[in-house]
Amino acid sequence: MKSLRPEPRKEPVVRLEGVAGEYAQFDFGEVRLELEDGRELRVQFFAGRLKYSRLMHVEVVPDQGSETVVHSLIACLVVFAGSPKE
């Protein structure tokens, strides 16, 4: 049977490589914290990361609304000292 089975194919690895300042990723996240008194606290955050240097900016936000996106993105780009190409 082994001789009849087709050879398993290796999936190609596609890596997104770029030069400094070319790519960044922005996203929201959430963490749930359990307080000592038993209550649970939900904390939302905005995170931005430069691909090449891995410089990261994270800030706690009240929600994921469009106004929050704009303010957080601007704050992140100030920390990055500019905007990436893509």
N, C-alpha and C. Protein backbone atom coordinates (compact mmCIF):
# COMPACT_ATOMS: atom_id res chain seq x y z
N MET A 1 0.82 -1.17 0.00
CA MET A 1 0.00 0.00 0.00
C MET A 1 0.88 1.25 0.00
N LYS A 2 2.00 1.19 0.69
CA LYS A 2 2.85 2.38 0.78
C LYS A 2 3.29 2.85 -0.61
N SER A 3 3.58 1.92 -1.48
CA SER A 3 4.03 2.30 -2.83
C SER A 3 2.89 2.91 -3.66
N LEU A 4 1.64 2.62 -3.31
CA LEU A 4 0.50 3.16 -4.05
C LEU A 4 0.05 4.53 -3.55
N ARG A 5 0.40 4.83 -2.30
CA ARG A 5 -0.01 6.12 -1.75
C ARG A 5 0.78 7.25 -2.39
N PRO A 6 0.13 8.35 -2.70
CA PRO A 6 0.87 9.49 -3.25
C PRO A 6 1.76 10.11 -2.17
N GLU A 7 2.85 10.66 -2.59
CA GLU A 7 3.78 11.34 -1.69
C GLU A 7 3.08 12.57 -1.08
N PRO A 8 3.12 12.74 0.24
CA PRO A 8 2.47 13.92 0.83
C PRO A 8 3.14 15.21 0.32
N ARG A 9 2.30 16.17 -0.04
CA ARG A 9 2.83 17.43 -0.56
C ARG A 9 3.08 18.39 0.59
N LYS A 10 4.17 19.10 0.51
CA LYS A 10 4.46 20.12 1.51
C LYS A 10 3.81 21.42 1.06
N GLU A 11 3.06 22.03 1.97
CA GLU A 11 2.41 23.29 1.66
C GLU A 11 3.47 24.39 1.57
N PRO A 12 3.35 25.27 0.61
CA PRO A 12 4.34 26.35 0.50
C PRO A 12 4.20 27.32 1.67
N VAL A 13 5.31 27.82 2.14
CA VAL A 13 5.32 28.81 3.21
C VAL A 13 5.42 30.17 2.55
N VAL A 14 4.41 30.99 2.78
CA VAL A 14 4.41 32.33 2.21
C VAL A 14 4.64 33.31 3.35
N ARG A 15 5.75 34.01 3.28
CA ARG A 15 6.09 34.97 4.32
C ARG A 15 5.96 36.37 3.74
N LEU A 16 5.41 37.24 4.53
CA LEU A 16 5.28 38.63 4.14
C LEU A 16 6.47 39.39 4.71
N GLU A 17 7.48 39.53 3.90
CA GLU A 17 8.69 40.22 4.33
C GLU A 17 8.69 41.62 3.75
N GLY A 18 9.16 42.55 4.49
CA GLY A 18 9.21 43.92 4.01
C GLY A 18 10.41 44.63 4.60
N VAL A 19 10.65 45.79 4.09
CA VAL A 19 11.75 46.61 4.61
C VAL A 19 11.21 47.49 5.73
N ALA A 20 12.12 48.12 6.44
CA ALA A 20 11.74 48.98 7.57
C ALA A 20 10.74 50.04 7.12
N GLY A 21 9.66 50.20 7.89
CA GLY A 21 8.67 51.22 7.61
C GLY A 21 7.66 50.87 6.54
N GLU A 22 7.69 49.64 6.04
CA GLU A 22 6.78 49.29 4.96
C GLU A 22 5.42 48.77 5.45
N TYR A 23 5.40 47.95 6.49
CA TYR A 23 4.16 47.35 6.95
C TYR A 23 3.95 47.57 8.45
N ALA A 24 2.67 47.69 8.82
CA ALA A 24 2.27 47.74 10.23
C ALA A 24 0.94 47.01 10.35
N GLN A 25 0.63 46.59 11.56
CA GLN A 25 -0.64 45.92 11.82
C GLN A 25 -1.30 46.61 13.01
N PHE A 26 -2.59 46.84 12.91
CA PHE A 26 -3.35 47.50 13.97
C PHE A 26 -4.54 46.63 14.31
N ASP A 27 -4.86 46.54 15.61
CA ASP A 27 -5.97 45.67 16.01
C ASP A 27 -6.45 46.05 17.40
N PHE A 28 -7.65 45.59 17.73
CA PHE A 28 -8.18 45.71 19.08
C PHE A 28 -8.03 44.36 19.78
N GLY A 29 -7.97 44.41 21.09
CA GLY A 29 -7.92 43.19 21.88
C GLY A 29 -8.69 43.39 23.17
N GLU A 30 -8.83 42.33 23.91
CA GLU A 30 -9.59 42.39 25.15
C GLU A 30 -9.00 41.38 26.14
N VAL A 31 -8.96 41.78 27.39
CA VAL A 31 -8.52 40.87 28.44
C VAL A 31 -9.53 40.97 29.58
N ARG A 32 -9.81 39.84 30.18
CA ARG A 32 -10.73 39.81 31.32
C ARG A 32 -9.92 39.53 32.58
N LEU A 33 -10.08 40.42 33.55
CA LEU A 33 -9.34 40.31 34.80
C LEU A 33 -10.30 39.95 35.93
N GLU A 34 -9.89 39.02 36.77
CA GLU A 34 -10.69 38.70 37.93
C GLU A 34 -10.11 39.44 39.12
N LEU A 35 -10.93 40.29 39.74
CA LEU A 35 -10.49 41.08 40.87
C LEU A 35 -10.53 40.26 42.15
N GLU A 36 -9.85 40.72 43.18
CA GLU A 36 -9.78 39.97 44.44
C GLU A 36 -11.15 39.78 45.08
N ASP A 37 -12.06 40.72 44.84
CA ASP A 37 -13.39 40.60 45.44
C ASP A 37 -14.33 39.71 44.61
N GLY A 38 -13.79 39.07 43.55
CA GLY A 38 -14.57 38.14 42.75
C GLY A 38 -15.19 38.75 41.51
N ARG A 39 -15.18 40.07 41.41
CA ARG A 39 -15.75 40.71 40.22
C ARG A 39 -14.82 40.50 39.02
N GLU A 40 -15.40 40.55 37.84
CA GLU A 40 -14.62 40.42 36.61
C GLU A 40 -14.59 41.78 35.91
N LEU A 41 -13.43 42.18 35.47
CA LEU A 41 -13.25 43.45 34.78
C LEU A 41 -12.80 43.18 33.35
N ARG A 42 -13.49 43.78 32.39
CA ARG A 42 -13.14 43.61 30.98
C ARG A 42 -12.38 44.86 30.53
N VAL A 43 -11.18 44.68 30.04
CA VAL A 43 -10.34 45.79 29.59
C VAL A 43 -10.10 45.62 28.09
N GLN A 44 -10.46 46.66 27.32
CA GLN A 44 -10.22 46.65 25.88
C GLN A 44 -8.99 47.49 25.57
N PHE A 45 -8.25 47.09 24.54
CA PHE A 45 -7.06 47.85 24.17
C PHE A 45 -6.90 47.91 22.66
N PHE A 46 -6.17 48.90 22.22
CA PHE A 46 -5.79 49.07 20.82
C PHE A 46 -4.30 48.81 20.74
N ALA A 47 -3.86 48.05 19.75
CA ALA A 47 -2.44 47.74 19.60
C ALA A 47 -2.01 47.98 18.17
N GLY A 48 -0.83 48.54 18.02
CA GLY A 48 -0.22 48.72 16.72
C GLY A 48 1.20 48.21 16.76
N ARG A 49 1.62 47.51 15.71
CA ARG A 49 2.98 46.94 15.68
C ARG A 49 3.59 47.16 14.30
N LEU A 50 4.82 47.65 14.30
CA LEU A 50 5.57 47.74 13.06
C LEU A 50 6.13 46.37 12.74
N LYS A 51 6.01 45.94 11.49
CA LYS A 51 6.43 44.59 11.09
C LYS A 51 7.94 44.38 11.24
N TYR A 52 8.73 45.32 10.71
CA TYR A 52 10.17 45.10 10.63
C TYR A 52 10.84 45.17 12.01
N SER A 53 10.60 46.24 12.74
CA SER A 53 11.29 46.44 14.02
C SER A 53 10.56 45.81 15.19
N ARG A 54 9.28 45.48 14.99
CA ARG A 54 8.41 44.93 16.03
C ARG A 54 8.10 45.95 17.13
N LEU A 55 8.37 47.24 16.87
CA LEU A 55 7.99 48.29 17.80
C LEU A 55 6.48 48.22 18.00
N MET A 56 6.04 48.29 19.25
CA MET A 56 4.62 48.11 19.53
C MET A 56 4.11 49.23 20.41
N HIS A 57 2.89 49.65 20.14
CA HIS A 57 2.20 50.64 20.95
C HIS A 57 0.86 50.05 21.35
N VAL A 58 0.56 50.10 22.66
CA VAL A 58 -0.71 49.57 23.17
C VAL A 58 -1.32 50.63 24.08
N GLU A 59 -2.62 50.83 23.94
CA GLU A 59 -3.31 51.75 24.85
C GLU A 59 -4.69 51.21 25.19
N VAL A 60 -5.08 51.44 26.43
CA VAL A 60 -6.40 51.01 26.90
C VAL A 60 -7.43 51.98 26.31
N VAL A 61 -8.53 51.42 25.79
CA VAL A 61 -9.57 52.23 25.15
C VAL A 61 -10.94 51.91 25.76
N PRO A 62 -11.87 52.87 25.69
CA PRO A 62 -13.20 52.62 26.27
C PRO A 62 -14.11 51.75 25.40
N ASP A 63 -13.87 51.76 24.07
CA ASP A 63 -14.73 51.00 23.16
C ASP A 63 -13.97 50.79 21.84
N GLN A 64 -14.65 50.22 20.86
CA GLN A 64 -14.04 49.98 19.55
C GLN A 64 -14.73 50.78 18.46
N GLY A 65 -15.27 51.93 18.84
CA GLY A 65 -15.97 52.78 17.89
C GLY A 65 -15.03 53.48 16.93
N SER A 66 -15.60 54.08 15.90
CA SER A 66 -14.79 54.72 14.86
C SER A 66 -13.97 55.89 15.40
N GLU A 67 -14.52 56.66 16.33
CA GLU A 67 -13.77 57.77 16.92
C GLU A 67 -12.56 57.25 17.70
N THR A 68 -12.74 56.16 18.40
CA THR A 68 -11.64 55.53 19.15
C THR A 68 -10.56 55.03 18.20
N VAL A 69 -10.97 54.46 17.07
CA VAL A 69 -10.01 53.98 16.07
C VAL A 69 -9.15 55.14 15.59
N VAL A 70 -9.78 56.25 15.25
CA VAL A 70 -9.04 57.40 14.72
C VAL A 70 -8.07 57.95 15.77
N HIS A 71 -8.55 58.18 16.99
CA HIS A 71 -7.69 58.72 18.04
C HIS A 71 -6.53 57.77 18.37
N SER A 72 -6.82 56.48 18.45
CA SER A 72 -5.78 55.49 18.78
C SER A 72 -4.76 55.36 17.66
N LEU A 73 -5.22 55.39 16.42
CA LEU A 73 -4.31 55.29 15.29
C LEU A 73 -3.37 56.50 15.23
N ILE A 74 -3.91 57.68 15.45
CA ILE A 74 -3.07 58.88 15.46
C ILE A 74 -2.05 58.81 16.58
N ALA A 75 -2.47 58.41 17.78
CA ALA A 75 -1.54 58.28 18.90
C ALA A 75 -0.44 57.27 18.60
N CYS A 76 -0.81 56.18 17.94
CA CYS A 76 0.15 55.14 17.57
C CYS A 76 1.17 55.68 16.56
N LEU A 77 0.69 56.41 15.56
CA LEU A 77 1.59 56.93 14.54
C LEU A 77 2.52 58.00 15.10
N VAL A 78 2.10 58.71 16.13
CA VAL A 78 2.98 59.66 16.82
C VAL A 78 4.12 58.90 17.48
N VAL A 79 3.79 57.79 18.15
CA VAL A 79 4.83 56.96 18.78
C VAL A 79 5.78 56.40 17.73
N PHE A 80 5.25 55.98 16.57
CA PHE A 80 6.07 55.44 15.50
C PHE A 80 6.87 56.53 14.76
N ALA A 81 6.54 57.80 15.04
CA ALA A 81 7.20 58.94 14.38
C ALA A 81 6.95 58.93 12.87
N GLY A 82 5.74 58.55 12.48
CA GLY A 82 5.36 58.54 11.08
C GLY A 82 4.46 57.36 10.78
N SER A 83 4.03 57.26 9.54
CA SER A 83 3.15 56.16 9.16
C SER A 83 3.88 55.20 8.22
N PRO A 84 3.53 53.92 8.31
CA PRO A 84 4.14 52.95 7.41
C PRO A 84 3.60 53.14 5.98
N LYS A 85 4.30 52.54 5.04
CA LYS A 85 3.87 52.61 3.64
C LYS A 85 2.51 51.94 3.45
N GLU A 86 2.33 50.77 4.07
CA GLU A 86 1.06 50.03 3.93
C GLU A 86 0.55 49.64 5.30
